[in-house]
Amino acid sequence: MSPEDLFVKNERLDAYEWRGLLSLKSALSDFEPLAKRTGLGPIVADRLVAKGLAEKGDCSARYQSIGMTTGYRLSVLGWTIADRGRWPRR
């Protein structure tokens, strides 16, 4: 099994991480600023990035024009965990 498969099989998310993951599901392909994501702050967003569930990058020009430079979106692994659920299958 690959490390990603083991992660998907065993990783449990706490309530804050799960809520943040669900919040990022609506940022389909663009990096969106945290100001657009209700219930998601920088601490949890950085935890999701550290786990590989989210990606951090420059916002699109639309958001940069109003002063927001850093955005987040789900990674491929994040989409897999979102489809799997908060808890691993037994």
PDB file of N, CA and C in Angstrom:
ATOM      1  N   MET A   1       0.838  -1.188   0.000  1.00  0.00           N
ATOM      2  CA  MET A   1       0.000   0.000   0.000  1.00  0.00           C
ATOM      3  C   MET A   1       0.879   1.246   0.000  1.00  0.00           C
ATOM      4  N   SER A   2       0.446   2.239  -0.724  1.00  0.00           N
ATOM      5  CA  SER A   2       1.190   3.500  -0.763  1.00  0.00           C
ATOM      6  C   SER A   2       0.922   4.289   0.528  1.00  0.00           C
ATOM      7  N   PRO A   3       1.776   5.262   0.834  1.00  0.00           N
ATOM      8  CA  PRO A   3       1.537   6.093   2.021  1.00  0.00           C
ATOM      9  C   PRO A   3       0.195   6.831   1.973  1.00  0.00           C
ATOM     10  N   GLU A   4      -0.225   7.244   0.775  1.00  0.00           N
ATOM     11  CA  GLU A   4      -1.520   7.916   0.663  1.00  0.00           C
ATOM     12  C   GLU A   4      -2.667   6.965   0.973  1.00  0.00           C
ATOM     13  N   ASP A   5      -2.560   5.702   0.517  1.00  0.00           N
ATOM     14  CA  ASP A   5      -3.595   4.726   0.814  1.00  0.00           C
ATOM     15  C   ASP A   5      -3.689   4.464   2.315  1.00  0.00           C
ATOM     16  N   LEU A   6      -2.545   4.374   2.971  1.00  0.00           N
ATOM     17  CA  LEU A   6      -2.533   4.178   4.420  1.00  0.00           C
ATOM     18  C   LEU A   6      -3.124   5.379   5.140  1.00  0.00           C
ATOM     19  N   PHE A   7      -2.824   6.573   4.645  1.00  0.00           N
ATOM     20  CA  PHE A   7      -3.378   7.793   5.243  1.00  0.00           C
ATOM     21  C   PHE A   7      -4.900   7.779   5.134  1.00  0.00           C
ATOM     22  N   VAL A   8      -5.414   7.469   3.951  1.00  0.00           N
ATOM     23  CA  VAL A   8      -6.867   7.437   3.748  1.00  0.00           C
ATOM     24  C   VAL A   8      -7.500   6.356   4.618  1.00  0.00           C
ATOM     25  N   LYS A   9      -6.817   5.244   4.769  1.00  0.00           N
ATOM     26  CA  LYS A   9      -7.361   4.131   5.542  1.00  0.00           C
ATOM     27  C   LYS A   9      -7.392   4.416   7.039  1.00  0.00           C
ATOM     28  N   ASN A  10      -6.414   5.190   7.553  1.00  0.00           N
ATOM     29  CA  ASN A  10      -6.268   5.324   9.000  1.00  0.00           C
ATOM     30  C   ASN A  10      -6.533   6.706   9.581  1.00  0.00           C
ATOM     31  N   GLU A  11      -6.497   7.749   8.784  1.00  0.00           N
ATOM     32  CA  GLU A  11      -6.565   9.112   9.331  1.00  0.00           C
ATOM     33  C   GLU A  11      -7.959   9.465   9.839  1.00  0.00           C
ATOM     34  N   ARG A  12      -7.994  10.026  11.046  1.00  0.00           N
ATOM     35  CA  ARG A  12      -9.227  10.552  11.631  1.00  0.00           C
ATOM     36  C   ARG A  12      -9.086  12.063  11.717  1.00  0.00           C
ATOM     37  N   LEU A  13     -10.130  12.767  11.376  1.00  0.00           N
ATOM     38  CA  LEU A  13     -10.111  14.222  11.453  1.00  0.00           C
ATOM     39  C   LEU A  13     -10.900  14.680  12.669  1.00  0.00           C
ATOM     40  N   ASP A  14     -10.381  15.702  13.355  1.00  0.00           N
ATOM     41  CA  ASP A  14     -11.173  16.247  14.459  1.00  0.00           C
ATOM     42  C   ASP A  14     -12.275  17.131  13.875  1.00  0.00           C
ATOM     43  N   ALA A  15     -13.147  17.619  14.726  1.00  0.00           N
ATOM     44  CA  ALA A  15     -14.316  18.372  14.258  1.00  0.00           C
ATOM     45  C   ALA A  15     -13.920  19.639  13.501  1.00  0.00           C
ATOM     46  N   TYR A  16     -12.871  20.310  13.955  1.00  0.00           N
ATOM     47  CA  TYR A  16     -12.440  21.545  13.293  1.00  0.00           C
ATOM     48  C   TYR A  16     -11.873  21.257  11.905  1.00  0.00           C
ATOM     49  N   GLU A  17     -11.080  20.199  11.810  1.00  0.00           N
ATOM     50  CA  GLU A  17     -10.508  19.829  10.506  1.00  0.00           C
ATOM     51  C   GLU A  17     -11.605  19.400   9.537  1.00  0.00           C
ATOM     52  N   TRP A  18     -12.567  18.642  10.020  1.00  0.00           N
ATOM     53  CA  TRP A  18     -13.654  18.181   9.159  1.00  0.00           C
ATOM     54  C   TRP A  18     -14.484  19.356   8.653  1.00  0.00           C
ATOM     55  N   ARG A  19     -14.812  20.286   9.552  1.00  0.00           N
ATOM     56  CA  ARG A  19     -15.592  21.456   9.140  1.00  0.00           C
ATOM     57  C   ARG A  19     -14.807  22.288   8.129  1.00  0.00           C
ATOM     58  N   GLY A  20     -13.503  22.432   8.344  1.00  0.00           N
ATOM     59  CA  GLY A  20     -12.663  23.160   7.397  1.00  0.00           C
ATOM     60  C   GLY A  20     -12.597  22.479   6.043  1.00  0.00           C
ATOM     61  N   LEU A  21     -12.496  21.151   6.057  1.00  0.00           N
ATOM     62  CA  LEU A  21     -12.458  20.386   4.815  1.00  0.00           C
ATOM     63  C   LEU A  21     -13.755  20.574   4.032  1.00  0.00           C
ATOM     64  N   LEU A  22     -14.878  20.499   4.728  1.00  0.00           N
ATOM     65  CA  LEU A  22     -16.173  20.693   4.062  1.00  0.00           C
ATOM     66  C   LEU A  22     -16.314  22.116   3.533  1.00  0.00           C
ATOM     67  N   SER A  23     -15.764  23.075   4.268  1.00  0.00           N
ATOM     68  CA  SER A  23     -15.828  24.462   3.826  1.00  0.00           C
ATOM     69  C   SER A  23     -15.030  24.672   2.537  1.00  0.00           C
ATOM     70  N   LEU A  24     -13.903  23.999   2.425  1.00  0.00           N
ATOM     71  CA  LEU A  24     -13.062  24.150   1.232  1.00  0.00           C
ATOM     72  C   LEU A  24     -13.608  23.413   0.015  1.00  0.00           C
ATOM     73  N   LYS A  25     -14.596  22.544   0.205  1.00  0.00           N
ATOM     74  CA  LYS A  25     -15.160  21.819  -0.939  1.00  0.00           C
ATOM     75  C   LYS A  25     -15.778  22.763  -1.969  1.00  0.00           C
ATOM     76  N   SER A  26     -16.252  23.911  -1.533  1.00  0.00           N
ATOM     77  CA  SER A  26     -16.891  24.824  -2.488  1.00  0.00           C
ATOM     78  C   SER A  26     -15.870  25.649  -3.272  1.00  0.00           C
ATOM     79  N   ALA A  27     -14.598  25.623  -2.876  1.00  0.00           N
ATOM     80  CA  ALA A  27     -13.539  26.275  -3.658  1.00  0.00           C
ATOM     81  C   ALA A  27     -13.061  25.253  -4.681  1.00  0.00           C
ATOM     82  N   LEU A  28     -13.769  25.119  -5.768  1.00  0.00           N
ATOM     83  CA  LEU A  28     -13.568  23.997  -6.682  1.00  0.00           C
ATOM     84  C   LEU A  28     -12.175  23.942  -7.286  1.00  0.00           C
ATOM     85  N   SER A  29     -11.727  24.999  -7.928  1.00  0.00           N
ATOM     86  CA  SER A  29     -10.405  24.932  -8.544  1.00  0.00           C
ATOM     87  C   SER A  29      -9.556  26.154  -8.233  1.00  0.00           C
ATOM     88  N   ASP A  30     -10.185  27.248  -7.829  1.00  0.00           N
ATOM     89  CA  ASP A  30      -9.446  28.464  -7.520  1.00  0.00           C
ATOM     90  C   ASP A  30      -8.972  28.459  -6.076  1.00  0.00           C
ATOM     91  N   PHE A  31      -7.853  29.112  -5.847  1.00  0.00           N
ATOM     92  CA  PHE A  31      -7.423  29.353  -4.481  1.00  0.00           C
ATOM     93  C   PHE A  31      -8.261  30.504  -3.948  1.00  0.00           C
ATOM     94  N   GLU A  32      -9.068  30.234  -2.931  1.00  0.00           N
ATOM     95  CA  GLU A  32      -9.951  31.263  -2.392  1.00  0.00           C
ATOM     96  C   GLU A  32      -9.461  31.690  -1.015  1.00  0.00           C
ATOM     97  N   PRO A  33      -9.590  32.984  -0.690  1.00  0.00           N
ATOM     98  CA  PRO A  33      -9.129  33.478   0.603  1.00  0.00           C
ATOM     99  C   PRO A  33      -9.996  32.951   1.742  1.00  0.00           C
ATOM    100  N   LEU A  34      -9.415  32.933   2.934  1.00  0.00           N
ATOM    101  CA  LEU A  34     -10.162  32.461   4.093  1.00  0.00           C
ATOM    102  C   LEU A  34     -11.372  33.330   4.397  1.00  0.00           C
ATOM    103  N   ALA A  35     -11.343  34.576   3.971  1.00  0.00           N
ATOM    104  CA  ALA A  35     -12.478  35.466   4.205  1.00  0.00           C
ATOM    105  C   ALA A  35     -13.751  34.935   3.538  1.00  0.00           C
ATOM    106  N   LYS A  36     -13.619  34.138   2.485  1.00  0.00           N
ATOM    107  CA  LYS A  36     -14.782  33.543   1.810  1.00  0.00           C
ATOM    108  C   LYS A  36     -15.241  32.254   2.461  1.00  0.00           C
ATOM    109  N   ARG A  37     -14.433  31.684   3.322  1.00  0.00           N
ATOM    110  CA  ARG A  37     -14.723  30.395   3.939  1.00  0.00           C
ATOM    111  C   ARG A  37     -15.180  30.591   5.369  1.00  0.00           C
ATOM    112  N   THR A  38     -16.457  30.480   5.627  1.00  0.00           N
ATOM    113  CA  THR A  38     -16.949  30.630   6.996  1.00  0.00           C
ATOM    114  C   THR A  38     -16.563  29.408   7.814  1.00  0.00           C
ATOM    115  N   GLY A  39     -16.182  29.643   9.035  1.00  0.00           N
ATOM    116  CA  GLY A  39     -15.834  28.538   9.929  1.00  0.00           C
ATOM    117  C   GLY A  39     -14.446  27.971   9.718  1.00  0.00           C
ATOM    118  N   LEU A  40     -13.620  28.640   8.944  1.00  0.00           N
ATOM    119  CA  LEU A  40     -12.266  28.157   8.690  1.00  0.00           C
ATOM    120  C   LEU A  40     -11.285  29.291   8.921  1.00  0.00           C
ATOM    121  N   GLY A  41     -10.385  29.084   9.869  1.00  0.00           N
ATOM    122  CA  GLY A  41      -9.384  30.092  10.181  1.00  0.00           C
ATOM    123  C   GLY A  41      -7.998  29.643   9.753  1.00  0.00           C
ATOM    124  N   PRO A  42      -7.008  30.494   9.978  1.00  0.00           N
ATOM    125  CA  PRO A  42      -5.660  30.180   9.514  1.00  0.00           C
ATOM    126  C   PRO A  42      -5.017  28.981  10.216  1.00  0.00           C
ATOM    127  N   ILE A  43      -5.335  28.744  11.466  1.00  0.00           N
ATOM    128  CA  ILE A  43      -4.714  27.627  12.190  1.00  0.00           C
ATOM    129  C   ILE A  43      -5.165  26.288  11.607  1.00  0.00           C
ATOM    130  N   VAL A  44      -6.465  26.128  11.435  1.00  0.00           N
ATOM    131  CA  VAL A  44      -6.987  24.873  10.889  1.00  0.00           C
ATOM    132  C   VAL A  44      -6.597  24.736   9.418  1.00  0.00           C
ATOM    133  N   ALA A  45      -6.610  25.831   8.676  1.00  0.00           N
ATOM    134  CA  ALA A  45      -6.209  25.780   7.262  1.00  0.00           C
ATOM    135  C   ALA A  45      -4.761  25.302   7.143  1.00  0.00           C
ATOM    136  N   ASP A  46      -3.894  25.804   7.993  1.00  0.00           N
ATOM    137  CA  ASP A  46      -2.493  25.366   7.953  1.00  0.00           C
ATOM    138  C   ASP A  46      -2.341  23.912   8.392  1.00  0.00           C
ATOM    139  N   ARG A  47      -3.189  23.438   9.304  1.00  0.00           N
ATOM    140  CA  ARG A  47      -3.160  22.018   9.679  1.00  0.00           C
ATOM    141  C   ARG A  47      -3.573  21.145   8.509  1.00  0.00           C
ATOM    142  N   LEU A  48      -4.565  21.583   7.753  1.00  0.00           N
ATOM    143  CA  LEU A  48      -4.997  20.820   6.574  1.00  0.00           C
ATOM    144  C   LEU A  48      -3.903  20.794   5.518  1.00  0.00           C
ATOM    145  N   VAL A  49      -3.194  21.906   5.350  1.00  0.00           N
ATOM    146  CA  VAL A  49      -2.081  21.948   4.402  1.00  0.00           C
ATOM    147  C   VAL A  49      -0.971  21.008   4.862  1.00  0.00           C
ATOM    148  N   ALA A  50      -0.661  21.019   6.158  1.00  0.00           N
ATOM    149  CA  ALA A  50       0.400  20.162   6.695  1.00  0.00           C
ATOM    150  C   ALA A  50       0.079  18.682   6.522  1.00  0.00           C
ATOM    151  N   LYS A  51      -1.195  18.322   6.595  1.00  0.00           N
ATOM    152  CA  LYS A  51      -1.607  16.935   6.398  1.00  0.00           C
ATOM    153  C   LYS A  51      -1.712  16.562   4.925  1.00  0.00           C
ATOM    154  N   GLY A  52      -1.617  17.543   4.045  1.00  0.00           N
ATOM    155  CA  GLY A  52      -1.717  17.276   2.615  1.00  0.00           C
ATOM    156  C   GLY A  52      -3.142  17.269   2.096  1.00  0.00           C
ATOM    157  N   LEU A  53      -4.087  17.726   2.908  1.00  0.00           N
ATOM    158  CA  LEU A  53      -5.497  17.722   2.510  1.00  0.00           C
ATOM    159  C   LEU A  53      -5.891  18.989   1.751  1.00  0.00           C
ATOM    160  N   ALA A  54      -5.103  20.034   1.902  1.00  0.00           N
ATOM    161  CA  ALA A  54      -5.384  21.304   1.220  1.00  0.00           C
ATOM    162  C   ALA A  54      -4.092  21.836   0.621  1.00  0.00           C
ATOM    163  N   GLU A  55      -4.262  22.755  -0.310  1.00  0.00           N
ATOM    164  CA  GLU A  55      -3.130  23.429  -0.946  1.00  0.00           C
ATOM    165  C   GLU A  55      -3.252  24.928  -0.682  1.00  0.00           C
ATOM    166  N   LYS A  56      -2.116  25.565  -0.522  1.00  0.00           N
ATOM    167  CA  LYS A  56      -2.068  27.002  -0.281  1.00  0.00           C
ATOM    168  C   LYS A  56      -1.381  27.654  -1.475  1.00  0.00           C
ATOM    169  N   GLY A  57      -1.955  28.747  -1.956  1.00  0.00           N
ATOM    170  CA  GLY A  57      -1.368  29.408  -3.111  1.00  0.00           C
ATOM    171  C   GLY A  57      -1.853  30.829  -3.256  1.00  0.00           C
ATOM    172  N   ASP A  58      -1.431  31.470  -4.324  1.00  0.00           N
ATOM    173  CA  ASP A  58      -1.849  32.844  -4.604  1.00  0.00           C
ATOM    174  C   ASP A  58      -3.291  32.859  -5.091  1.00  0.00           C
ATOM    175  N   CYS A  59      -4.057  33.807  -4.584  1.00  0.00           N
ATOM    176  CA  CYS A  59      -5.440  33.977  -5.024  1.00  0.00           C
ATOM    177  C   CYS A  59      -5.482  34.425  -6.475  1.00  0.00           C
ATOM    178  N   SER A  60      -6.632  34.264  -7.084  1.00  0.00           N
ATOM    179  CA  SER A  60      -6.812  34.745  -8.453  1.00  0.00           C
ATOM    180  C   SER A  60      -6.791  36.274  -8.467  1.00  0.00           C
ATOM    181  N   ALA A  61      -6.665  36.827  -9.644  1.00  0.00           N
ATOM    182  CA  ALA A  61      -6.592  38.288  -9.797  1.00  0.00           C
ATOM    183  C   ALA A  61      -7.818  38.979  -9.210  1.00  0.00           C
ATOM    184  N   ARG A  62      -8.939  38.317  -9.263  1.00  0.00           N
ATOM    185  CA  ARG A  62     -10.178  38.877  -8.723  1.00  0.00           C
ATOM    186  C   ARG A  62     -10.043  39.202  -7.244  1.00  0.00           C
ATOM    187  N   TYR A  63      -9.448  38.292  -6.481  1.00  0.00           N
ATOM    188  CA  TYR A  63      -9.275  38.505  -5.046  1.00  0.00           C
ATOM    189  C   TYR A  63      -8.070  39.381  -4.746  1.00  0.00           C
ATOM    190  N   GLN A  64      -7.028  39.287  -5.565  1.00  0.00           N
ATOM    191  CA  GLN A  64      -5.850  40.121  -5.340  1.00  0.00           C
ATOM    192  C   GLN A  64      -6.167  41.598  -5.538  1.00  0.00           C
ATOM    193  N   SER A  65      -7.133  41.892  -6.395  1.00  0.00           N
ATOM    194  CA  SER A  65      -7.489  43.291  -6.642  1.00  0.00           C
ATOM    195  C   SER A  65      -8.138  43.943  -5.422  1.00  0.00           C
ATOM    196  N   ILE A  66      -8.639  43.128  -4.494  1.00  0.00           N
ATOM    197  CA  ILE A  66      -9.228  43.684  -3.263  1.00  0.00           C
ATOM    198  C   ILE A  66      -8.345  43.410  -2.049  1.00  0.00           C
ATOM    199  N   GLY A  67      -7.091  43.060  -2.302  1.00  0.00           N
ATOM    200  CA  GLY A  67      -6.113  42.958  -1.226  1.00  0.00           C
ATOM    201  C   GLY A  67      -5.932  41.605  -0.583  1.00  0.00           C
ATOM    202  N   MET A  68      -6.526  40.568  -1.116  1.00  0.00           N
ATOM    203  CA  MET A  68      -6.382  39.218  -0.556  1.00  0.00           C
ATOM    204  C   MET A  68      -5.375  38.453  -1.405  1.00  0.00           C
ATOM    205  N   THR A  69      -4.287  38.026  -0.794  1.00  0.00           N
ATOM    206  CA  THR A  69      -3.208  37.430  -1.574  1.00  0.00           C
ATOM    207  C   THR A  69      -3.096  35.918  -1.443  1.00  0.00           C
ATOM    208  N   THR A  70      -3.424  35.359  -0.292  1.00  0.00           N
ATOM    209  CA  THR A  70      -3.251  33.923  -0.068  1.00  0.00           C
ATOM    210  C   THR A  70      -4.596  33.218  -0.051  1.00  0.00           C
ATOM    211  N   GLY A  71      -4.654  32.084  -0.751  1.00  0.00           N
ATOM    212  CA  GLY A  71      -5.887  31.320  -0.808  1.00  0.00           C
ATOM    213  C   GLY A  71      -5.645  29.837  -0.585  1.00  0.00           C
ATOM    214  N   TYR A  72      -6.717  29.099  -0.435  1.00  0.00           N
ATOM    215  CA  TYR A  72      -6.661  27.667  -0.155  1.00  0.00           C
ATOM    216  C   TYR A  72      -7.661  26.930  -1.041  1.00  0.00           C
ATOM    217  N   ARG A  73      -7.363  25.670  -1.298  1.00  0.00           N
ATOM    218  CA  ARG A  73      -8.293  24.775  -1.979  1.00  0.00           C
ATOM    219  C   ARG A  73      -7.946  23.348  -1.564  1.00  0.00           C
ATOM    220  N   LEU A  74      -8.861  22.412  -1.812  1.00  0.00           N
ATOM    221  CA  LEU A  74      -8.604  21.013  -1.475  1.00  0.00           C
ATOM    222  C   LEU A  74      -7.608  20.398  -2.452  1.00  0.00           C
ATOM    223  N   SER A  75      -6.774  19.534  -1.936  1.00  0.00           N
ATOM    224  CA  SER A  75      -5.872  18.757  -2.788  1.00  0.00           C
ATOM    225  C   SER A  75      -6.614  17.500  -3.237  1.00  0.00           C
ATOM    226  N   VAL A  76      -5.980  16.708  -4.058  1.00  0.00           N
ATOM    227  CA  VAL A  76      -6.583  15.444  -4.503  1.00  0.00           C
ATOM    228  C   VAL A  76      -6.842  14.545  -3.290  1.00  0.00           C
ATOM    229  N   LEU A  77      -5.889  14.496  -2.376  1.00  0.00           N
ATOM    230  CA  LEU A  77      -6.060  13.710  -1.154  1.00  0.00           C
ATOM    231  C   LEU A  77      -7.209  14.259  -0.310  1.00  0.00           C
ATOM    232  N   GLY A  78      -7.357  15.570  -0.274  1.00  0.00           N
ATOM    233  CA  GLY A  78      -8.458  16.194   0.454  1.00  0.00           C
ATOM    234  C   GLY A  78      -9.814  15.801  -0.107  1.00  0.00           C
ATOM    235  N   TRP A  79      -9.920  15.748  -1.441  1.00  0.00           N
ATOM    236  CA  TRP A  79     -11.176  15.313  -2.067  1.00  0.00           C
ATOM    237  C   TRP A  79     -11.461  13.851  -1.717  1.00  0.00           C
ATOM    238  N   THR A  80     -10.415  13.027  -1.678  1.00  0.00           N
ATOM    239  CA  THR A  80     -10.593  11.610  -1.334  1.00  0.00           C
ATOM    240  C   THR A  80     -11.118  11.467   0.082  1.00  0.00           C
ATOM    241  N   ILE A  81     -10.534  12.213   1.021  1.00  0.00           N
ATOM    242  CA  ILE A  81     -10.982  12.155   2.417  1.00  0.00           C
ATOM    243  C   ILE A  81     -12.398  12.720   2.539  1.00  0.00           C
ATOM    244  N   ALA A  82     -12.709  13.782   1.812  1.00  0.00           N
ATOM    245  CA  ALA A  82     -14.062  14.353   1.859  1.00  0.00           C
ATOM    246  C   ALA A  82     -15.093  13.338   1.375  1.00  0.00           C
ATOM    247  N   ASP A  83     -14.747  12.562   0.352  1.00  0.00           N
ATOM    248  CA  ASP A  83     -15.662  11.529  -0.143  1.00  0.00           C
ATOM    249  C   ASP A  83     -15.759  10.356   0.830  1.00  0.00           C
ATOM    250  N   ARG A  84     -14.652  10.045   1.498  1.00  0.00           N
ATOM    251  CA  ARG A  84     -14.612   8.929   2.446  1.00  0.00           C
ATOM    252  C   ARG A  84     -15.404   9.220   3.704  1.00  0.00           C
ATOM    253  N   GLY A  85     -15.263  10.423   4.241  1.00  0.00           N
ATOM    254  CA  GLY A  85     -15.913  10.788   5.481  1.00  0.00           C
ATOM    255  C   GLY A  85     -14.895  11.107   6.565  1.00  0.00           C
ATOM    256  N   ARG A  86     -15.395  11.601   7.677  1.00  0.00           N
ATOM    257  CA  ARG A  86     -14.516  12.043   8.774  1.00  0.00           C
ATOM    258  C   ARG A  86     -13.745  10.897   9.411  1.00  0.00           C
ATOM    259  N   TRP A  87     -14.367   9.760   9.507  1.00  0.00           N
ATOM    260  CA  TRP A  87     -13.769   8.591  10.154  1.00  0.00           C
ATOM    261  C   TRP A  87     -13.408   7.532   9.121  1.00  0.00           C
ATOM    262  N   PRO A  88     -12.334   6.771   9.366  1.00  0.00           N
ATOM    263  CA  PRO A  88     -11.995   5.687   8.434  1.00  0.00           C
ATOM    264  C   PRO A  88     -13.019   4.560   8.498  1.00  0.00           C
ATOM    265  N   ARG A  89     -13.106   3.819   7.420  1.00  0.00           N
ATOM    266  CA  ARG A  89     -14.016   2.669   7.396  1.00  0.00           C
ATOM    267  C   ARG A  89     -13.457   1.570   8.285  1.00  0.00           C
ATOM    268  N   ARG A  90     -14.346   0.822   8.865  1.00  0.00           N
ATOM    269  CA  ARG A  90     -13.912  -0.278   9.752  1.00  0.00           C
ATOM    270  C   ARG A  90     -13.842  -1.574   9.004  1.00  0.00           C
TER     271      ARG A  90
END
